[in-house]
């Protein structure tokens, strides 16, 4: 075989393999960018869902949680190629799933166990039949300053990669065809350009490819005034690099835009949830929390006090002779008086205290981290402030005063559950009324209460 033919064959092989290698490198970079973009969108989606499910899981609103997942199933499956969305509690029990048949079941597979044991976002790629799927998990955690937070469960979602892989395959076939054409055209001049005129340009091309591979998408092959195959290859390479850079910037722009949209939707959803939550737990007349919120919060605070080995007190307040007041001045005046007493409670209590309207003219206050002596002092201050308050503006008279009676009970001294503590405080309240009203009474221990 003649040396000329060998050089031609060697040049053709070098050009072919170099072009193929560069094309595959660019395609690999593009695939990595697309995959990262999908992961960003998936994470942004799960973080948006987390904001919605967090208060529902914290308050055990399973119905609302199931309704939220149903809305995701109806409106978001096709938008994000979402295959499934699951909301699990810490025991891996399904609280919500895009497949309604899995509701209430326990997911005991290896993936679910691993996802629920990790405190960070987890990623997996797996096959579901003949389709590739990206699976991501996100812990549902209440963030508290200087505290690791409370984990209420885990979100797990699967996203279909089939369409992305089909797009990558089409791009691969087209790019390989283009590279083959460019390689065959450049091989005709490889014999003349191999010595000196070929090696150095190829080296420059390889260096630029390495920069692209390391993430420098602005790297380009130096422009050449010659119209040879390597110059054409260099320009083609630059065009591919520019296309990759445009696609990357476009994807980043889309991700940022999508993130802003999700953040905006997240804020709207959060605002709506906060409004709904306030309406659900707030008394319309006084602006205090209602009885429903009292029961839910008291149970949670008692669990917290039990874990921290601390005390928790409850006050039960009742306006003395309030029926007589309403009969004399009318119910509108009585409503204004209740609002005035609510304001007194808000001004006297701590931010961590929880004042509620129990019903009618009765109020209840949860005092976390408060033992009986401290609770009695708070109750006495409230009683004295109400007694000193002039309600003449509410009644339209020269001077109007009211008194209240207060019963105090403490967990765990006077009861081990919400019902027992509330009953003890209520019993102490009626003891205060029987003793002449306008006074504070501490509940008796259970063993003395039955004597």
Protein backbone atom coordinates (compact mmCIF):
# COMPACT_ATOMS: atom_id res chain seq x y z
CA UNK A 1 0.00 0.00 0.00
CA UNK A 2 1.41 3.36 -1.04
CA UNK A 3 2.40 5.90 1.63
CA UNK A 4 0.07 8.44 0.07
CA UNK A 5 -2.86 6.06 0.47
CA UNK A 6 -1.84 5.31 4.05
CA UNK A 7 -1.68 8.99 4.88
CA UNK A 8 -5.06 9.52 3.23
CA UNK A 9 -6.58 6.65 5.14
CA UNK A 10 -5.01 7.82 8.39
CA UNK A 11 -6.23 11.36 7.79
CA UNK A 12 -9.73 10.15 7.02
CA UNK A 13 -9.79 8.02 10.16
CA UNK A 14 -8.48 10.87 12.30
CA UNK A 15 -11.02 13.30 10.91
CA UNK A 16 -13.86 10.84 11.32
CA UNK A 17 -13.07 9.83 14.88
CA UNK A 18 -12.31 13.39 15.98
CA UNK A 19 -15.62 14.64 14.62
CA UNK A 20 -17.56 11.78 16.17
CA UNK A 21 -15.88 12.34 19.52
CA UNK A 22 -16.61 16.04 19.53
CA UNK A 23 -20.22 15.53 18.50
CA UNK A 24 -20.81 12.94 21.20
CA UNK A 25 -19.20 15.23 23.77
CA UNK A 26 -21.52 18.08 22.83
CA UNK A 27 -24.53 15.78 22.90
CA UNK A 28 -23.48 14.49 26.31
CA UNK A 29 -23.23 18.06 27.58
CA UNK A 30 -26.63 18.86 26.12
CA UNK A 31 -28.17 15.79 27.75
CA UNK A 32 -26.61 16.68 31.09
CA UNK A 33 -28.01 20.21 30.81
CA UNK A 34 -31.45 18.93 29.91
CA UNK A 35 -31.37 16.45 32.78
CA UNK A 36 -30.33 19.15 35.26
CA UNK A 37 -33.07 21.37 33.91
CA UNK A 38 -35.65 18.64 34.48
CA UNK A 39 -34.32 18.09 37.99
CA UNK A 40 -34.61 21.82 38.71
CA UNK A 41 -38.20 21.89 37.46
CA UNK A 42 -39.04 18.76 39.45
CA UNK A 43 -37.55 20.23 42.63
CA UNK A 44 -39.31 23.56 42.12
CA UNK A 45 -42.58 21.67 41.66
CA UNK A 46 -42.10 19.60 44.84
CA UNK A 47 -41.14 22.70 46.85
CA UNK A 48 -44.31 24.43 45.64
CA UNK A 49 -46.39 21.37 46.61
CA UNK A 50 -44.59 21.24 49.99
CA UNK A 51 -45.82 24.73 50.89
CA UNK A 52 -49.40 23.60 50.29
CA UNK A 53 -49.22 20.24 52.10
CA UNK A 54 -47.15 21.39 55.11
CA UNK A 55 -49.98 23.07 57.08
CA UNK A 56 -52.36 20.27 56.11
CA UNK A 57 -49.99 17.58 57.42
CA UNK A 58 -49.21 19.58 60.55
CA UNK A 59 -52.93 19.97 61.28
CA UNK A 60 -53.81 16.44 60.07
CA UNK A 61 -56.23 17.76 57.45
CA UNK A 62 -56.19 14.57 55.42
CA UNK A 63 -59.27 15.54 53.38
CA UNK A 64 -57.72 18.84 52.27
CA UNK A 65 -54.47 17.00 51.52
CA UNK A 66 -56.27 14.46 49.35
CA UNK A 67 -58.12 17.29 47.58
CA UNK A 68 -54.81 19.03 46.82
CA UNK A 69 -53.29 15.86 45.36
CA UNK A 70 -56.46 15.35 43.30
CA UNK A 71 -56.06 18.85 41.87
CA UNK A 72 -52.46 18.04 40.97
CA UNK A 73 -53.66 14.84 39.32
CA UNK A 74 -56.24 16.74 37.28
CA UNK A 75 -54.16 19.73 36.21
CA UNK A 76 -50.42 19.00 36.44
CA UNK A 77 -49.79 15.46 35.17
CA UNK A 78 -49.32 16.44 31.53
CA UNK A 79 -47.67 19.84 32.20
CA UNK A 80 -44.60 18.32 33.90
CA UNK A 81 -44.75 14.75 32.49
CA UNK A 82 -45.67 13.79 36.05
CA UNK A 83 -46.22 10.05 36.40
CA UNK A 84 -47.21 10.06 40.05
CA UNK A 85 -47.18 12.16 43.24
CA UNK A 86 -47.26 10.57 46.70
CA UNK A 87 -47.54 12.22 50.15
CA UNK A 88 -46.29 9.91 52.93
CA UNK A 89 -46.34 10.33 56.70
CA UNK A 90 -43.23 9.37 58.77
CA UNK A 91 -44.49 5.74 58.85
CA UNK A 92 -44.65 5.71 55.00
CA UNK A 93 -48.44 5.64 55.06
CA UNK A 94 -49.97 7.21 51.95
CA UNK A 95 -51.86 10.40 52.93
CA UNK A 96 -52.36 11.42 49.30
CA UNK A 97 -51.56 9.85 45.94
CA UNK A 98 -52.36 10.53 42.31
CA UNK A 99 -53.44 6.87 42.27
CA UNK A 100 -56.48 6.92 44.60
CA UNK A 101 -56.22 3.14 45.12
CA UNK A 102 -53.02 3.58 47.15
CA UNK A 103 -54.62 5.96 49.70
CA UNK A 104 -54.04 4.71 53.25
CA UNK A 105 -51.59 1.96 52.25
CA UNK A 106 -48.03 1.67 53.57
CA UNK A 107 -45.26 1.78 50.96
CA UNK A 108 -42.66 -0.73 52.16
CA UNK A 109 -40.45 -0.96 49.09
CA UNK A 110 -36.72 -0.25 49.31
CA UNK A 111 -36.99 3.07 47.50
CA UNK A 112 -39.73 4.43 49.78
CA UNK A 113 -37.84 3.33 52.89
CA UNK A 114 -34.65 5.00 51.70
CA UNK A 115 -36.42 8.22 50.68
CA UNK A 116 -38.28 8.57 54.00
CA UNK A 117 -35.07 7.96 56.00
CA UNK A 118 -33.11 10.76 54.28
CA UNK A 119 -33.28 14.42 55.34
CA UNK A 120 -32.24 15.77 51.93
CA UNK A 121 -33.65 15.70 48.40
CA UNK A 122 -33.12 12.26 46.82
CA UNK A 123 -32.98 11.37 43.12
CA UNK A 124 -33.34 8.07 41.27
CA UNK A 125 -33.69 7.02 37.65
CA UNK A 126 -35.54 3.79 37.04
CA UNK A 127 -37.53 1.95 34.44
CA UNK A 128 -41.31 1.65 34.60
CA UNK A 129 -42.08 -0.97 31.99
CA UNK A 130 -40.64 0.37 28.74
CA UNK A 131 -40.33 3.97 29.98
CA UNK A 132 -37.58 5.76 31.86
CA UNK A 133 -38.61 7.73 34.92
CA UNK A 134 -36.94 10.32 37.19
CA UNK A 135 -38.00 9.83 40.82
CA UNK A 136 -37.42 12.62 43.37
CA UNK A 137 -38.22 12.89 47.06
CA UNK A 138 -38.47 15.98 49.30
CA UNK A 139 -38.86 15.95 53.11
CA UNK A 140 -41.83 17.96 54.42
CA UNK A 141 -40.25 19.90 57.29
CA UNK A 142 -41.36 22.86 59.40
CA UNK A 143 -38.37 25.18 59.57
CA UNK A 144 -37.77 26.68 63.02
CA UNK A 145 -34.87 29.10 63.78
CA UNK A 146 -32.01 27.43 65.72
CA UNK A 147 -33.84 24.09 65.47
CA UNK A 148 -33.61 21.21 62.97
CA UNK A 149 -37.37 21.49 62.42
CA UNK A 150 -40.26 19.03 62.60
CA UNK A 151 -40.54 16.47 59.84
CA UNK A 152 -44.16 15.70 58.98
CA UNK A 153 -43.55 13.33 56.10
CA UNK A 154 -42.13 12.98 52.59
CA UNK A 155 -43.16 13.97 49.07
CA UNK A 156 -42.23 11.51 46.29
CA UNK A 157 -42.84 12.25 42.61
CA UNK A 158 -42.00 10.46 39.36
CA UNK A 159 -41.41 12.30 36.08
CA UNK A 160 -41.47 10.69 32.66
CA UNK A 161 -38.14 10.89 30.77
CA UNK A 162 -39.41 9.15 27.63
CA UNK A 163 -40.03 12.28 25.57
CA UNK A 164 -36.70 13.80 26.60
CA UNK A 165 -34.86 10.61 25.66
CA UNK A 166 -36.64 10.46 22.31
CA UNK A 167 -35.57 14.06 21.65
CA UNK A 168 -31.99 13.18 22.59
CA UNK A 169 -32.07 10.20 20.23
CA UNK A 170 -33.33 12.32 17.35
CA UNK A 171 -30.65 14.91 18.06
CA UNK A 172 -28.02 12.15 18.23
CA UNK A 173 -29.00 10.71 14.85
CA UNK A 174 -29.10 14.10 13.14
CA UNK A 175 -25.84 15.24 14.71
CA UNK A 176 -24.08 12.00 13.81
CA UNK A 177 -25.25 12.36 10.23
CA UNK A 178 -23.95 15.94 10.09
CA UNK A 179 -20.65 14.90 11.67
CA UNK A 180 -20.22 12.04 9.21
CA UNK A 181 -20.78 14.38 6.27
CA UNK A 182 -18.33 16.90 7.65
CA UNK A 183 -15.77 14.15 8.32
CA UNK A 184 -16.04 12.69 4.80
CA UNK A 185 -15.63 16.12 3.20
CA UNK A 186 -12.59 16.92 5.29
CA UNK A 187 -10.98 13.53 4.58
CA UNK A 188 -10.39 14.44 0.89
CA UNK A 189 -7.88 17.12 1.90
CA UNK A 190 -6.48 15.30 4.91
CA UNK A 191 -3.39 14.02 3.01
CA UNK A 192 -2.25 17.55 2.08
CA UNK A 193 -3.12 19.12 5.43
CA UNK A 194 -2.02 16.40 7.86
CA UNK A 195 1.54 17.65 8.28
CA UNK A 196 1.70 20.84 10.27
CA UNK A 197 -1.46 22.34 8.78
CA UNK A 198 -3.69 19.66 10.34
CA UNK A 199 -2.15 18.72 13.65
CA UNK A 200 -2.09 22.22 15.15
CA UNK A 201 -5.73 23.10 14.19
CA UNK A 202 -6.89 19.75 15.54
CA UNK A 203 -5.03 20.43 18.77
CA UNK A 204 -6.74 23.82 19.04
CA UNK A 205 -10.07 22.15 18.35
CA UNK A 206 -9.42 19.57 21.06
CA UNK A 207 -8.51 22.30 23.54
CA UNK A 208 -11.75 24.17 22.85
CA UNK A 209 -13.71 20.93 23.20
CA UNK A 210 -12.05 20.40 26.58
CA UNK A 211 -13.08 23.90 27.66
CA UNK A 212 -16.64 23.20 26.57
CA UNK A 213 -16.53 19.93 28.45
CA UNK A 214 -15.37 21.76 31.59
CA UNK A 215 -18.31 24.17 31.35
CA UNK A 216 -16.84 27.12 29.44
CA UNK A 217 -19.61 27.42 26.84
CA UNK A 218 -18.17 30.65 25.43
CA UNK A 219 -15.05 28.88 24.12
CA UNK A 220 -14.69 28.98 20.31
CA UNK A 221 -12.27 27.76 17.68
CA UNK A 222 -10.14 30.66 16.37
CA UNK A 223 -11.38 31.95 13.02
CA UNK A 224 -9.35 30.96 9.96
CA UNK A 225 -9.04 32.86 6.68
CA UNK A 226 -8.47 29.63 4.79
CA UNK A 227 -11.29 27.72 3.18
CA UNK A 228 -10.14 24.20 4.02
CA UNK A 229 -11.91 21.31 5.69
CA UNK A 230 -10.50 22.07 9.13
CA UNK A 231 -11.70 25.66 8.85
CA UNK A 232 -15.14 24.35 7.88
CA UNK A 233 -15.00 21.89 10.77
CA UNK A 234 -13.99 24.70 13.10
CA UNK A 235 -16.88 26.88 11.97
CA UNK A 236 -19.27 23.92 12.25
CA UNK A 237 -17.93 23.25 15.71
CA UNK A 238 -18.45 26.87 16.68
CA UNK A 239 -21.99 26.77 15.31
CA UNK A 240 -22.72 23.67 17.39
CA UNK A 241 -21.14 25.33 20.43
CA UNK A 242 -23.21 28.48 19.85
CA UNK A 243 -26.35 26.37 19.44
CA UNK A 244 -25.52 24.54 22.66
CA UNK A 245 -24.88 27.83 24.46
CA UNK A 246 -28.15 29.29 23.18
CA UNK A 247 -30.04 26.17 24.22
CA UNK A 248 -28.38 26.23 27.63
CA UNK A 249 -29.17 29.90 28.17
CA UNK A 250 -32.68 29.34 26.86
CA UNK A 251 -33.17 26.43 29.24
CA UNK A 252 -31.82 28.46 32.14
CA UNK A 253 -34.13 31.31 31.19
CA UNK A 254 -37.08 28.91 31.02
CA UNK A 255 -36.15 27.44 34.38
CA UNK A 256 -35.92 30.93 35.92
CA UNK A 257 -39.24 31.92 34.36
CA UNK A 258 -40.86 28.70 35.49
CA UNK A 259 -39.39 29.16 38.95
CA UNK A 260 -40.82 32.69 39.14
CA UNK A 261 -44.20 31.39 38.00
CA UNK A 262 -44.09 28.64 40.61
CA UNK A 263 -43.03 31.13 43.27
CA UNK A 264 -45.89 33.42 42.28
CA UNK A 265 -48.34 30.52 42.31
CA UNK A 266 -46.84 29.38 45.57
CA UNK A 267 -47.36 32.80 47.14
CA UNK A 268 -50.94 32.92 45.88
CA UNK A 269 -51.59 29.42 47.19
CA UNK A 270 -49.97 30.29 50.50
CA UNK A 271 -52.03 33.47 50.82
CA UNK A 272 -55.21 31.56 50.03
CA UNK A 273 -54.32 28.84 52.53
CA UNK A 274 -53.56 31.43 55.19
CA UNK A 275 -56.88 33.18 54.58
CA UNK A 276 -58.75 29.88 54.71
CA UNK A 277 -56.89 28.84 57.82
CA UNK A 278 -57.66 32.14 59.56
CA UNK A 279 -61.34 31.83 58.65
CA UNK A 280 -61.43 28.24 59.88
CA UNK A 281 -59.87 28.90 63.27
CA UNK A 282 -60.89 32.49 64.10
CA UNK A 283 -63.95 33.69 65.99
CA UNK A 284 -65.72 36.25 63.83
CA UNK A 285 -66.82 38.53 66.68
CA UNK A 286 -63.70 38.86 68.83
CA UNK A 287 -60.90 37.96 66.40
CA UNK A 288 -59.62 35.36 68.87
CA UNK A 289 -59.15 31.71 68.02
CA UNK A 290 -62.29 29.58 68.12
CA UNK A 291 -63.15 26.41 70.03
CA UNK A 292 -61.96 24.14 67.21
CA UNK A 293 -58.53 25.70 67.24
CA UNK A 294 -58.45 25.49 71.03
CA UNK A 295 -58.91 21.71 70.99
CA UNK A 296 -56.38 21.10 68.23
CA UNK A 297 -53.72 23.39 69.70
CA UNK A 298 -54.19 22.20 73.27
CA UNK A 299 -53.52 18.62 72.23
CA UNK A 300 -50.38 19.65 70.30
CA UNK A 301 -49.11 21.81 73.16
CA UNK A 302 -49.68 19.01 75.64
CA UNK A 303 -47.63 16.64 73.48
CA UNK A 304 -44.86 19.23 73.31
CA UNK A 305 -44.98 19.85 77.07
CA UNK A 306 -44.82 16.10 77.66
CA UNK A 307 -41.73 15.75 75.46
CA UNK A 308 -39.99 18.72 77.06
CA UNK A 309 -41.05 17.82 80.60
CA UNK A 310 -42.58 21.28 81.08
CA UNK A 311 -45.86 22.61 82.50
CA UNK A 312 -48.84 23.97 80.61
CA UNK A 313 -51.76 25.87 82.12
CA UNK A 314 -55.28 26.63 80.91
CA UNK A 315 -57.51 29.52 82.02
CA UNK A 316 -61.31 29.40 81.72
CA UNK A 317 -62.90 32.90 81.95
CA UNK A 318 -66.58 33.78 82.24
CA UNK A 319 -68.19 37.24 82.40
CA UNK A 320 -70.20 37.56 85.60
CA UNK A 321 -73.95 38.29 85.26
CA UNK A 322 -73.58 38.66 81.49
CA UNK A 323 -77.19 37.60 80.81
CA UNK A 324 -78.38 40.40 83.08
CA UNK A 325 -76.05 42.81 81.21
CA UNK A 326 -77.50 41.77 77.82
CA UNK A 327 -81.07 42.09 79.12
CA UNK A 328 -80.32 45.60 80.36
CA UNK A 329 -78.17 47.06 77.58
CA UNK A 330 -78.93 44.79 74.62
CA UNK A 331 -76.94 42.19 72.75
CA UNK A 332 -75.02 44.69 70.54
CA UNK A 333 -73.58 46.26 73.68
CA UNK A 334 -72.79 42.78 74.98
CA UNK A 335 -70.93 41.99 71.75
CA UNK A 336 -68.85 45.16 72.14
CA UNK A 337 -68.01 44.20 75.70
CA UNK A 338 -66.81 40.77 74.54
CA UNK A 339 -64.63 42.49 71.96
CA UNK A 340 -63.21 44.76 74.66
CA UNK A 341 -62.36 41.79 76.89
CA UNK A 342 -60.69 40.10 73.88
CA UNK A 343 -58.50 43.21 73.45
CA UNK A 344 -57.53 43.08 77.12
CA UNK A 345 -56.45 39.46 76.68
CA UNK A 346 -54.39 40.26 73.58
CA UNK A 347 -52.58 43.13 75.31
CA UNK A 348 -51.78 41.23 78.51
CA UNK A 349 -50.79 37.82 77.10
CA UNK A 350 -47.46 36.79 75.59
CA UNK A 351 -46.96 36.13 71.91
CA UNK A 352 -46.74 32.41 72.69
CA UNK A 353 -50.01 32.38 74.67
CA UNK A 354 -53.18 31.34 72.85
CA UNK A 355 -56.42 33.21 73.72
CA UNK A 356 -59.66 31.64 72.42
CA UNK A 357 -63.36 32.27 72.61
CA UNK A 358 -64.82 29.15 74.20
CA UNK A 359 -68.43 30.09 73.49
CA UNK A 360 -70.96 32.73 74.54
CA UNK A 361 -69.36 34.88 77.23
CA UNK A 362 -66.69 32.25 78.05
CA UNK A 363 -63.03 32.52 77.03
CA UNK A 364 -60.14 30.10 77.33
CA UNK A 365 -56.39 30.77 77.32
CA UNK A 366 -53.56 28.26 76.77
CA UNK A 367 -50.37 29.26 78.61
CA UNK A 368 -47.40 27.15 77.42
CA UNK A 369 -44.42 26.69 79.75
CA UNK A 370 -46.46 28.07 82.69
CA UNK A 371 -46.77 26.43 86.13
CA UNK A 372 -49.74 26.99 88.51
CA UNK A 373 -48.25 29.98 90.45
CA UNK A 374 -47.43 31.84 87.25
CA UNK A 375 -50.83 30.99 85.77
CA UNK A 376 -52.57 32.32 88.89
CA UNK A 377 -50.64 35.61 88.59
CA UNK A 378 -51.65 35.99 84.94
CA UNK A 379 -55.27 35.18 85.76
CA UNK A 380 -55.35 37.69 88.62
CA UNK A 381 -53.92 40.44 86.39
CA UNK A 382 -56.55 39.75 83.74
CA UNK A 383 -59.35 39.75 86.32
CA UNK A 384 -58.12 43.05 87.78
CA UNK A 385 -57.78 44.73 84.35
CA UNK A 386 -61.30 43.73 83.34
CA UNK A 387 -62.65 45.00 86.67
CA UNK A 388 -60.88 48.34 86.19
CA UNK A 389 -62.01 48.73 82.58
CA UNK A 390 -64.77 51.29 81.97
CA UNK A 391 -67.29 49.93 79.46
CA UNK A 392 -69.43 53.08 79.42
CA UNK A 393 -68.56 53.76 75.79
CA UNK A 394 -69.94 50.33 74.85
CA UNK A 395 -73.16 50.85 76.83
CA UNK A 396 -73.68 54.59 76.29
CA UNK A 397 -73.90 55.23 80.05
CA UNK A 398 -71.81 57.32 82.43
CA UNK A 399 -69.95 54.41 84.00
CA UNK A 400 -70.21 50.70 83.45
CA UNK A 401 -67.97 48.03 84.95
CA UNK A 402 -67.94 44.27 84.77
CA UNK A 403 -66.19 41.45 86.56
CA UNK A 404 -65.06 38.00 85.48
CA UNK A 405 -64.46 34.70 87.20
CA UNK A 406 -61.50 32.53 86.23
CA UNK A 407 -60.69 28.85 86.71
CA UNK A 408 -57.07 27.65 86.37
CA UNK A 409 -55.89 24.10 85.62
CA UNK A 410 -52.41 22.78 84.82
CA UNK A 411 -51.06 19.84 82.83
CA UNK A 412 -50.07 17.28 84.03
CA UNK A 413 -51.17 18.06 87.61
CA UNK A 414 -54.91 18.35 86.95
CA UNK A 415 -55.28 16.08 83.92
CA UNK A 416 -53.41 13.96 81.39
CA UNK A 417 -55.45 14.84 78.27
CA UNK A 418 -57.21 17.92 76.84
CA UNK A 419 -60.67 16.87 78.03
CA UNK A 420 -59.48 16.35 81.60
CA UNK A 421 -57.60 19.67 81.80
CA UNK A 422 -60.49 21.65 80.28
CA UNK A 423 -62.94 19.98 82.63
CA UNK A 424 -60.71 20.76 85.64
CA UNK A 425 -60.45 24.43 84.60
CA UNK A 426 -64.22 24.61 84.02
CA UNK A 427 -64.91 23.06 87.43
CA UNK A 428 -62.59 25.60 89.06
CA UNK A 429 -64.43 28.37 87.21
CA UNK A 430 -67.78 27.31 88.65
CA UNK A 431 -66.22 27.04 92.09
CA UNK A 432 -65.18 30.69 91.66
CA UNK A 433 -68.74 31.63 90.70
CA UNK A 434 -70.21 29.69 93.63
CA UNK A 435 -67.77 31.47 95.96
CA UNK A 436 -69.11 34.89 94.98
CA UNK A 437 -67.70 35.60 91.47
CA UNK A 438 -64.99 38.16 90.60
CA UNK A 439 -62.22 35.82 91.68
CA UNK A 440 -59.64 33.25 90.51
CA UNK A 441 -59.76 29.59 91.57
CA UNK A 442 -57.10 26.90 91.03
CA UNK A 443 -58.34 23.43 90.13
CA UNK A 444 -58.02 20.67 92.67
CA UNK A 445 -55.86 17.60 91.98
CA UNK A 446 -57.91 14.67 90.64
CA UNK A 447 -57.71 12.76 93.90
CA UNK A 448 -59.15 15.73 95.84
CA UNK A 449 -61.75 16.61 93.19
CA UNK A 450 -63.66 13.37 93.87
CA UNK A 451 -63.77 13.81 97.63
